[in-house]
PDB file of N, CA and C in Angstrom:
ATOM      1  N   UNK A   1     116.457 -68.197 -22.385  1.00  0.00           N
ATOM      2  CA  UNK A   1     117.896 -68.010 -22.323  1.00  0.00           C
ATOM      3  C   UNK A   1     118.263 -67.587 -20.904  1.00  0.00           C
ATOM      4  N   UNK A   2     119.246 -68.224 -20.343  1.00  0.00           N
ATOM      5  CA  UNK A   2     119.684 -67.902 -18.989  1.00  0.00           C
ATOM      6  C   UNK A   2     120.491 -66.604 -19.011  1.00  0.00           C
ATOM      7  N   UNK A   3     120.233 -65.749 -18.031  1.00  0.00           N
ATOM      8  CA  UNK A   3     120.972 -64.508 -17.939  1.00  0.00           C
ATOM      9  C   UNK A   3     122.322 -64.747 -17.291  1.00  0.00           C
ATOM     10  N   UNK A   4     123.327 -64.171 -17.903  1.00  0.00           N
ATOM     11  CA  UNK A   4     124.669 -64.271 -17.359  1.00  0.00           C
ATOM     12  C   UNK A   4     125.415 -63.001 -17.713  1.00  0.00           C
ATOM     13  N   UNK A   5     125.889 -62.285 -16.705  1.00  0.00           N
ATOM     14  CA  UNK A   5     126.627 -61.053 -16.928  1.00  0.00           C
ATOM     15  C   UNK A   5     128.105 -61.372 -17.089  1.00  0.00           C
ATOM     16  N   UNK A   6     128.888 -60.356 -17.406  1.00  0.00           N
ATOM     17  CA  UNK A   6     130.326 -60.520 -17.566  1.00  0.00           C
ATOM     18  C   UNK A   6     130.999 -59.194 -17.220  1.00  0.00           C
ATOM     19  N   UNK A   7     132.306 -59.173 -17.236  1.00  0.00           N
ATOM     20  CA  UNK A   7     133.038 -57.953 -16.872  1.00  0.00           C
ATOM     21  C   UNK A   7     132.772 -56.818 -17.855  1.00  0.00           C
ATOM     22  N   UNK A   8     132.555 -57.136 -19.129  1.00  0.00           N
ATOM     23  CA  UNK A   8     132.272 -56.081 -20.118  1.00  0.00           C
ATOM     24  C   UNK A   8     130.927 -55.418 -19.837  1.00  0.00           C
ATOM     25  N   UNK A   9     129.919 -56.222 -19.561  1.00  0.00           N
ATOM     26  CA  UNK A   9     128.597 -55.675 -19.246  1.00  0.00           C
ATOM     27  C   UNK A   9     128.638 -54.945 -17.907  1.00  0.00           C
ATOM     28  N   UNK A  10     129.300 -55.522 -16.927  1.00  0.00           N
ATOM     29  CA  UNK A  10     129.382 -54.893 -15.607  1.00  0.00           C
ATOM     30  C   UNK A  10     130.116 -53.554 -15.648  1.00  0.00           C
ATOM     31  N   UNK A  11     130.977 -53.343 -16.635  1.00  0.00           N
ATOM     32  CA  UNK A  11     131.735 -52.093 -16.745  1.00  0.00           C
ATOM     33  C   UNK A  11     130.902 -50.937 -17.301  1.00  0.00           C
ATOM     34  N   UNK A  12     129.723 -51.223 -17.830  1.00  0.00           N
ATOM     35  CA  UNK A  12     128.884 -50.171 -18.403  1.00  0.00           C
ATOM     36  C   UNK A  12     128.227 -49.380 -17.274  1.00  0.00           C
ATOM     37  N   UNK A  13     128.515 -48.087 -17.246  1.00  0.00           N
ATOM     38  CA  UNK A  13     127.937 -47.244 -16.197  1.00  0.00           C
ATOM     39  C   UNK A  13     126.760 -46.423 -16.716  1.00  0.00           C
ATOM     40  N   UNK A  14     126.726 -46.175 -18.016  1.00  0.00           N
ATOM     41  CA  UNK A  14     125.621 -45.423 -18.615  1.00  0.00           C
ATOM     42  C   UNK A  14     125.327 -46.015 -19.991  1.00  0.00           C
ATOM     43  N   UNK A  15     124.083 -46.373 -20.222  1.00  0.00           N
ATOM     44  CA  UNK A  15     123.711 -46.970 -21.504  1.00  0.00           C
ATOM     45  C   UNK A  15     123.697 -45.938 -22.617  1.00  0.00           C
ATOM     46  N   UNK A  16     124.264 -46.321 -23.750  1.00  0.00           N
ATOM     47  CA  UNK A  16     124.183 -45.500 -24.949  1.00  0.00           C
ATOM     48  C   UNK A  16     122.905 -45.908 -25.683  1.00  0.00           C
ATOM     49  N   UNK A  17     122.168 -44.936 -26.177  1.00  0.00           N
ATOM     50  CA  UNK A  17     120.929 -45.220 -26.886  1.00  0.00           C
ATOM     51  C   UNK A  17     121.020 -44.680 -28.309  1.00  0.00           C
ATOM     52  N   UNK A  18     120.218 -45.232 -29.186  1.00  0.00           N
ATOM     53  CA  UNK A  18     120.216 -44.826 -30.587  1.00  0.00           C
ATOM     54  C   UNK A  18     119.768 -43.377 -30.721  1.00  0.00           C
ATOM     55  N   UNK A  19     120.523 -42.593 -31.484  1.00  0.00           N
ATOM     56  CA  UNK A  19     120.109 -41.220 -31.767  1.00  0.00           C
ATOM     57  C   UNK A  19     119.302 -41.176 -33.057  1.00  0.00           C
ATOM     58  N   UNK A  20     119.597 -42.112 -33.963  1.00  0.00           N
ATOM     59  CA  UNK A  20     118.832 -42.276 -35.195  1.00  0.00           C
ATOM     60  C   UNK A  20     118.399 -43.736 -35.248  1.00  0.00           C
ATOM     61  N   UNK A  21     117.222 -43.982 -35.695  1.00  0.00           N
ATOM     62  CA  UNK A  21     116.734 -45.356 -35.766  1.00  0.00           C
ATOM     63  C   UNK A  21     116.859 -45.894 -37.192  1.00  0.00           C
ATOM     64  N   UNK A  22     118.106 -45.868 -37.668  1.00  0.00           N
ATOM     65  CA  UNK A  22     118.463 -46.410 -38.974  1.00  0.00           C
ATOM     66  C   UNK A  22     119.836 -47.061 -38.868  1.00  0.00           C
ATOM     67  N   UNK A  23     120.096 -48.014 -39.739  1.00  0.00           N
ATOM     68  CA  UNK A  23     121.439 -48.558 -39.896  1.00  0.00           C
ATOM     69  C   UNK A  23     122.089 -47.750 -41.008  1.00  0.00           C
ATOM     70  N   UNK A  24     123.006 -46.861 -40.642  1.00  0.00           N
ATOM     71  CA  UNK A  24     123.652 -45.985 -41.622  1.00  0.00           C
ATOM     72  C   UNK A  24     124.377 -46.785 -42.705  1.00  0.00           C
ATOM     73  N   UNK A  25     124.942 -47.932 -42.346  1.00  0.00           N
ATOM     74  CA  UNK A  25     125.645 -48.751 -43.328  1.00  0.00           C
ATOM     75  C   UNK A  25     124.672 -49.338 -44.351  1.00  0.00           C
ATOM     76  N   UNK A  26     123.501 -49.781 -43.890  1.00  0.00           N
ATOM     77  CA  UNK A  26     122.481 -50.278 -44.825  1.00  0.00           C
ATOM     78  C   UNK A  26     121.970 -49.147 -45.709  1.00  0.00           C
ATOM     79  N   UNK A  27     121.807 -47.956 -45.139  1.00  0.00           N
ATOM     80  CA  UNK A  27     121.347 -46.802 -45.917  1.00  0.00           C
ATOM     81  C   UNK A  27     122.331 -46.536 -47.059  1.00  0.00           C
ATOM     82  N   UNK A  28     123.630 -46.584 -46.763  1.00  0.00           N
ATOM     83  CA  UNK A  28     124.653 -46.357 -47.796  1.00  0.00           C
ATOM     84  C   UNK A  28     124.535 -47.373 -48.933  1.00  0.00           C
ATOM     85  N   UNK A  29     124.137 -48.601 -48.594  1.00  0.00           N
ATOM     86  CA  UNK A  29     124.014 -49.669 -49.593  1.00  0.00           C
ATOM     87  C   UNK A  29     122.649 -49.707 -50.266  1.00  0.00           C
ATOM     88  N   UNK A  30     121.709 -48.939 -49.734  1.00  0.00           N
ATOM     89  CA  UNK A  30     120.351 -48.973 -50.258  1.00  0.00           C
ATOM     90  C   UNK A  30     119.583 -50.205 -49.810  1.00  0.00           C
ATOM     91  N   UNK A  31     120.030 -50.820 -48.701  1.00  0.00           N
ATOM     92  CA  UNK A  31     119.395 -52.025 -48.161  1.00  0.00           C
ATOM     93  C   UNK A  31     118.542 -51.690 -46.943  1.00  0.00           C
ATOM     94  N   UNK A  32     117.691 -52.626 -46.565  1.00  0.00           N
ATOM     95  CA  UNK A  32     116.886 -52.497 -45.358  1.00  0.00           C
ATOM     96  C   UNK A  32     117.475 -53.338 -44.243  1.00  0.00           C
ATOM     97  N   UNK A  33     116.815 -53.337 -43.109  1.00  0.00           N
ATOM     98  CA  UNK A  33     117.271 -54.098 -41.957  1.00  0.00           C
ATOM     99  C   UNK A  33     116.067 -54.616 -41.205  1.00  0.00           C
ATOM    100  N   UNK A  34     116.312 -55.576 -40.307  1.00  0.00           N
ATOM    101  CA  UNK A  34     115.245 -56.181 -39.516  1.00  0.00           C
ATOM    102  C   UNK A  34     115.133 -55.480 -38.167  1.00  0.00           C
ATOM    103  N   UNK A  35     116.221 -55.490 -37.385  1.00  0.00           N
ATOM    104  CA  UNK A  35     116.252 -54.837 -36.076  1.00  0.00           C
ATOM    105  C   UNK A  35     117.569 -54.084 -35.936  1.00  0.00           C
ATOM    106  N   UNK A  36     117.603 -53.178 -34.981  1.00  0.00           N
ATOM    107  CA  UNK A  36     118.801 -52.363 -34.767  1.00  0.00           C
ATOM    108  C   UNK A  36     119.423 -52.648 -33.409  1.00  0.00           C
ATOM    109  N   UNK A  37     120.742 -52.516 -33.350  1.00  0.00           N
ATOM    110  CA  UNK A  37     121.526 -52.719 -32.127  1.00  0.00           C
ATOM    111  C   UNK A  37     122.461 -51.534 -31.958  1.00  0.00           C
ATOM    112  N   UNK A  38     122.692 -51.132 -30.702  1.00  0.00           N
ATOM    113  CA  UNK A  38     123.570 -49.999 -30.418  1.00  0.00           C
ATOM    114  C   UNK A  38     124.815 -50.471 -29.681  1.00  0.00           C
ATOM    115  N   UNK A  39     125.974 -50.116 -30.218  1.00  0.00           N
ATOM    116  CA  UNK A  39     127.255 -50.456 -29.596  1.00  0.00           C
ATOM    117  C   UNK A  39     127.394 -49.651 -28.303  1.00  0.00           C
ATOM    118  N   UNK A  40     127.718 -50.334 -27.228  1.00  0.00           N
ATOM    119  CA  UNK A  40     127.827 -49.667 -25.939  1.00  0.00           C
ATOM    120  C   UNK A  40     129.200 -49.035 -25.705  1.00  0.00           C
ATOM    121  N   UNK A  41     130.110 -49.194 -26.646  1.00  0.00           N
ATOM    122  CA  UNK A  41     131.400 -48.523 -26.522  1.00  0.00           C
ATOM    123  C   UNK A  41     131.420 -47.200 -27.281  1.00  0.00           C
ATOM    124  N   UNK A  42     130.942 -47.211 -28.533  1.00  0.00           N
ATOM    125  CA  UNK A  42     131.028 -45.993 -29.347  1.00  0.00           C
ATOM    126  C   UNK A  42     129.670 -45.382 -29.688  1.00  0.00           C
ATOM    127  N   UNK A  43     128.577 -46.108 -29.446  1.00  0.00           N
ATOM    128  CA  UNK A  43     127.241 -45.568 -29.657  1.00  0.00           C
ATOM    129  C   UNK A  43     126.678 -45.708 -31.056  1.00  0.00           C
ATOM    130  N   UNK A  44     127.398 -46.318 -31.978  1.00  0.00           N
ATOM    131  CA  UNK A  44     126.880 -46.498 -33.330  1.00  0.00           C
ATOM    132  C   UNK A  44     125.724 -47.502 -33.304  1.00  0.00           C
ATOM    133  N   UNK A  45     124.702 -47.245 -34.120  1.00  0.00           N
ATOM    134  CA  UNK A  45     123.550 -48.139 -34.217  1.00  0.00           C
ATOM    135  C   UNK A  45     123.571 -48.793 -35.586  1.00  0.00           C
ATOM    136  N   UNK A  46     123.539 -50.129 -35.578  1.00  0.00           N
ATOM    137  CA  UNK A  46     123.661 -50.917 -36.802  1.00  0.00           C
ATOM    138  C   UNK A  46     122.668 -52.072 -36.788  1.00  0.00           C
ATOM    139  N   UNK A  47     122.557 -52.770 -37.924  1.00  0.00           N
ATOM    140  CA  UNK A  47     121.566 -53.837 -38.053  1.00  0.00           C
ATOM    141  C   UNK A  47     122.014 -55.142 -37.391  1.00  0.00           C
ATOM    142  N   UNK A  48     121.019 -55.938 -37.021  1.00  0.00           N
ATOM    143  CA  UNK A  48     121.225 -57.192 -36.292  1.00  0.00           C
ATOM    144  C   UNK A  48     121.581 -58.353 -37.221  1.00  0.00           C
ATOM    145  N   UNK A  49     121.820 -59.507 -36.630  1.00  0.00           N
ATOM    146  CA  UNK A  49     122.178 -60.703 -37.405  1.00  0.00           C
ATOM    147  C   UNK A  49     121.018 -61.287 -38.200  1.00  0.00           C
ATOM    148  N   UNK A  50     119.784 -60.891 -37.918  1.00  0.00           N
ATOM    149  CA  UNK A  50     118.660 -61.320 -38.741  1.00  0.00           C
ATOM    150  C   UNK A  50     118.572 -60.491 -40.025  1.00  0.00           C
ATOM    151  N   UNK A  51     119.333 -59.404 -40.074  1.00  0.00           N
ATOM    152  CA  UNK A  51     119.374 -58.544 -41.256  1.00  0.00           C
ATOM    153  C   UNK A  51     120.394 -59.093 -42.245  1.00  0.00           C
ATOM    154  N   UNK A  52     120.203 -58.788 -43.498  1.00  0.00           N
ATOM    155  CA  UNK A  52     121.059 -59.288 -44.581  1.00  0.00           C
ATOM    156  C   UNK A  52     122.545 -59.003 -44.342  1.00  0.00           C
ATOM    157  N   UNK A  53     122.866 -57.793 -43.889  1.00  0.00           N
ATOM    158  CA  UNK A  53     124.268 -57.365 -43.818  1.00  0.00           C
ATOM    159  C   UNK A  53     124.959 -57.579 -42.474  1.00  0.00           C
ATOM    160  N   UNK A  54     124.196 -57.822 -41.431  1.00  0.00           N
ATOM    161  CA  UNK A  54     124.763 -58.111 -40.100  1.00  0.00           C
ATOM    162  C   UNK A  54     125.837 -57.097 -39.685  1.00  0.00           C
ATOM    163  N   UNK A  55     125.507 -55.818 -39.834  1.00  0.00           N
ATOM    164  CA  UNK A  55     126.494 -54.774 -39.579  1.00  0.00           C
ATOM    165  C   UNK A  55     126.933 -54.676 -38.119  1.00  0.00           C
ATOM    166  N   UNK A  56     126.067 -54.963 -37.165  1.00  0.00           N
ATOM    167  CA  UNK A  56     126.464 -54.884 -35.751  1.00  0.00           C
ATOM    168  C   UNK A  56     127.548 -55.910 -35.440  1.00  0.00           C
ATOM    169  N   UNK A  57     127.385 -57.126 -35.922  1.00  0.00           N
ATOM    170  CA  UNK A  57     128.408 -58.152 -35.696  1.00  0.00           C
ATOM    171  C   UNK A  57     129.685 -57.817 -36.458  1.00  0.00           C
ATOM    172  N   UNK A  58     129.555 -57.302 -37.669  1.00  0.00           N
ATOM    173  CA  UNK A  58     130.738 -56.886 -38.431  1.00  0.00           C
ATOM    174  C   UNK A  58     131.495 -55.795 -37.682  1.00  0.00           C
ATOM    175  N   UNK A  59     130.759 -54.881 -37.067  1.00  0.00           N
ATOM    176  CA  UNK A  59     131.370 -53.814 -36.263  1.00  0.00           C
ATOM    177  C   UNK A  59     132.161 -54.416 -35.102  1.00  0.00           C
ATOM    178  N   UNK A  60     131.590 -55.411 -34.437  1.00  0.00           N
ATOM    179  CA  UNK A  60     132.298 -56.095 -33.352  1.00  0.00           C
ATOM    180  C   UNK A  60     133.581 -56.734 -33.865  1.00  0.00           C
ATOM    181  N   UNK A  61     133.520 -57.412 -34.998  1.00  0.00           N
ATOM    182  CA  UNK A  61     134.708 -58.080 -35.539  1.00  0.00           C
ATOM    183  C   UNK A  61     135.792 -57.069 -35.928  1.00  0.00           C
ATOM    184  N   UNK A  62     135.379 -55.927 -36.446  1.00  0.00           N
ATOM    185  CA  UNK A  62     136.328 -54.908 -36.884  1.00  0.00           C
ATOM    186  C   UNK A  62     136.937 -54.135 -35.723  1.00  0.00           C
ATOM    187  N   UNK A  63     136.111 -53.778 -34.741  1.00  0.00           N
ATOM    188  CA  UNK A  63     136.561 -52.889 -33.661  1.00  0.00           C
ATOM    189  C   UNK A  63     136.914 -53.598 -32.365  1.00  0.00           C
ATOM    190  N   UNK A  64     136.324 -54.773 -32.150  1.00  0.00           N
ATOM    191  CA  UNK A  64     136.490 -55.451 -30.875  1.00  0.00           C
ATOM    192  C   UNK A  64     135.575 -54.910 -29.787  1.00  0.00           C
ATOM    193  N   UNK A  65     134.682 -53.984 -30.126  1.00  0.00           N
ATOM    194  CA  UNK A  65     133.729 -53.468 -29.145  1.00  0.00           C
ATOM    195  C   UNK A  65     132.800 -54.608 -28.753  1.00  0.00           C
ATOM    196  N   UNK A  66     132.777 -54.983 -27.469  1.00  0.00           N
ATOM    197  CA  UNK A  66     132.138 -56.239 -27.093  1.00  0.00           C
ATOM    198  C   UNK A  66     130.629 -56.221 -26.843  1.00  0.00           C
ATOM    199  N   UNK A  67     130.050 -55.092 -26.426  1.00  0.00           N
ATOM    200  CA  UNK A  67     128.664 -55.119 -25.940  1.00  0.00           C
ATOM    201  C   UNK A  67     127.737 -54.281 -26.813  1.00  0.00           C
ATOM    202  N   UNK A  68     126.584 -54.878 -27.138  1.00  0.00           N
ATOM    203  CA  UNK A  68     125.519 -54.164 -27.841  1.00  0.00           C
ATOM    204  C   UNK A  68     124.258 -54.199 -26.984  1.00  0.00           C
ATOM    205  N   UNK A  69     123.373 -53.259 -27.271  1.00  0.00           N
ATOM    206  CA  UNK A  69     122.038 -53.289 -26.680  1.00  0.00           C
ATOM    207  C   UNK A  69     121.037 -53.256 -27.819  1.00  0.00           C
ATOM    208  N   UNK A  70     119.827 -53.681 -27.542  1.00  0.00           N
ATOM    209  CA  UNK A  70     118.771 -53.555 -28.531  1.00  0.00           C
ATOM    210  C   UNK A  70     118.397 -52.086 -28.652  1.00  0.00           C
ATOM    211  N   UNK A  71     118.196 -51.648 -29.882  1.00  0.00           N
ATOM    212  CA  UNK A  71     117.718 -50.284 -30.127  1.00  0.00           C
ATOM    213  C   UNK A  71     116.228 -50.297 -30.461  1.00  0.00           C
ATOM    214  N   UNK A  72     115.592 -51.440 -30.237  1.00  0.00           N
ATOM    215  CA  UNK A  72     114.171 -51.586 -30.530  1.00  0.00           C
ATOM    216  C   UNK A  72     113.321 -51.108 -29.351  1.00  0.00           C
ATOM    217  N   UNK A  73     112.181 -50.486 -29.641  1.00  0.00           N
ATOM    218  CA  UNK A  73     111.292 -50.053 -28.563  1.00  0.00           C
ATOM    219  C   UNK A  73     110.862 -51.246 -27.701  1.00  0.00           C
ATOM    220  N   UNK A  74     110.804 -51.030 -26.424  1.00  0.00           N
ATOM    221  CA  UNK A  74     110.351 -52.026 -25.442  1.00  0.00           C
ATOM    222  C   UNK A  74     111.253 -53.247 -25.301  1.00  0.00           C
ATOM    223  N   UNK A  75     112.447 -53.211 -25.867  1.00  0.00           N
ATOM    224  CA  UNK A  75     113.431 -54.268 -25.654  1.00  0.00           C
ATOM    225  C   UNK A  75     114.547 -53.689 -24.798  1.00  0.00           C
ATOM    226  N   UNK A  76     114.828 -54.356 -23.690  1.00  0.00           N
ATOM    227  CA  UNK A  76     115.828 -53.843 -22.757  1.00  0.00           C
ATOM    228  C   UNK A  76     116.794 -54.974 -22.406  1.00  0.00           C
ATOM    229  N   UNK A  77     117.808 -55.145 -23.256  1.00  0.00           N
ATOM    230  CA  UNK A  77     118.781 -56.197 -23.010  1.00  0.00           C
ATOM    231  C   UNK A  77     120.154 -55.801 -23.548  1.00  0.00           C
ATOM    232  N   UNK A  78     121.163 -56.500 -23.051  1.00  0.00           N
ATOM    233  CA  UNK A  78     122.551 -56.325 -23.479  1.00  0.00           C
ATOM    234  C   UNK A  78     123.115 -57.681 -23.882  1.00  0.00           C
ATOM    235  N   UNK A  79     123.982 -57.688 -24.870  1.00  0.00           N
ATOM    236  CA  UNK A  79     124.666 -58.900 -25.321  1.00  0.00           C
ATOM    237  C   UNK A  79     126.149 -58.593 -25.437  1.00  0.00           C
ATOM    238  N   UNK A  80     126.962 -59.486 -24.881  1.00  0.00           N
ATOM    239  CA  UNK A  80     128.411 -59.369 -25.006  1.00  0.00           C
ATOM    240  C   UNK A  80     128.896 -60.424 -25.983  1.00  0.00           C
ATOM    241  N   UNK A  81     129.460 -59.974 -27.096  1.00  0.00           N
ATOM    242  CA  UNK A  81     130.004 -60.904 -28.087  1.00  0.00           C
ATOM    243  C   UNK A  81     131.159 -61.713 -27.506  1.00  0.00           C
ATOM    244  N   UNK A  82     132.036 -61.044 -26.768  1.00  0.00           N
ATOM    245  CA  UNK A  82     133.255 -61.691 -26.269  1.00  0.00           C
ATOM    246  C   UNK A  82     132.949 -62.854 -25.338  1.00  0.00           C
ATOM    247  N   UNK A  83     131.992 -62.647 -24.445  1.00  0.00           N
ATOM    248  CA  UNK A  83     131.700 -63.654 -23.420  1.00  0.00           C
ATOM    249  C   UNK A  83     130.389 -64.395 -23.650  1.00  0.00           C
ATOM    250  N   UNK A  84     129.698 -64.056 -24.726  1.00  0.00           N
ATOM    251  CA  UNK A  84     128.391 -64.648 -25.030  1.00  0.00           C
ATOM    252  C   UNK A  84     127.458 -64.548 -23.806  1.00  0.00           C
ATOM    253  N   UNK A  85     127.487 -63.353 -23.219  1.00  0.00           N
ATOM    254  CA  UNK A  85     126.671 -63.081 -22.029  1.00  0.00           C
ATOM    255  C   UNK A  85     125.469 -62.221 -22.433  1.00  0.00           C
ATOM    256  N   UNK A  86     124.326 -62.504 -21.824  1.00  0.00           N
ATOM    257  CA  UNK A  86     123.062 -61.832 -22.115  1.00  0.00           C
ATOM    258  C   UNK A  86     122.396 -61.433 -20.823  1.00  0.00           C
ATOM    259  N   UNK A  87     121.980 -60.158 -20.722  1.00  0.00           N
ATOM    260  CA  UNK A  87     121.218 -59.716 -19.553  1.00  0.00           C
ATOM    261  C   UNK A  87     120.093 -58.795 -19.999  1.00  0.00           C
ATOM    262  N   UNK A  88     118.992 -58.874 -19.284  1.00  0.00           N
ATOM    263  CA  UNK A  88     117.912 -57.910 -19.478  1.00  0.00           C
ATOM    264  C   UNK A  88     118.008 -56.913 -18.337  1.00  0.00           C
ATOM    265  N   UNK A  89     117.430 -55.751 -18.554  1.00  0.00           N
ATOM    266  CA  UNK A  89     117.438 -54.717 -17.511  1.00  0.00           C
ATOM    267  C   UNK A  89     116.118 -54.007 -17.474  1.00  0.00           C
TER     268      UNK A  89
END
């Protein structure tokens, strides 16, 4: 995948990281998840699109918060929903 930044990613001055390594929304439903993503606007950590509930994308649709990062160990990347931009760091 080619790296391409955008104004939303460029505006991030400090990365938000997961404080808990769970998807709280999946926990409420009694469901599991595949991988976790952290919203770079509000810091909530939710499940990825490979997970049954796709809570991170649902959060983007509900809030308009554009950028997520991987909350997985040894993964260092950002994704902007609005601009479909992806960068590693």
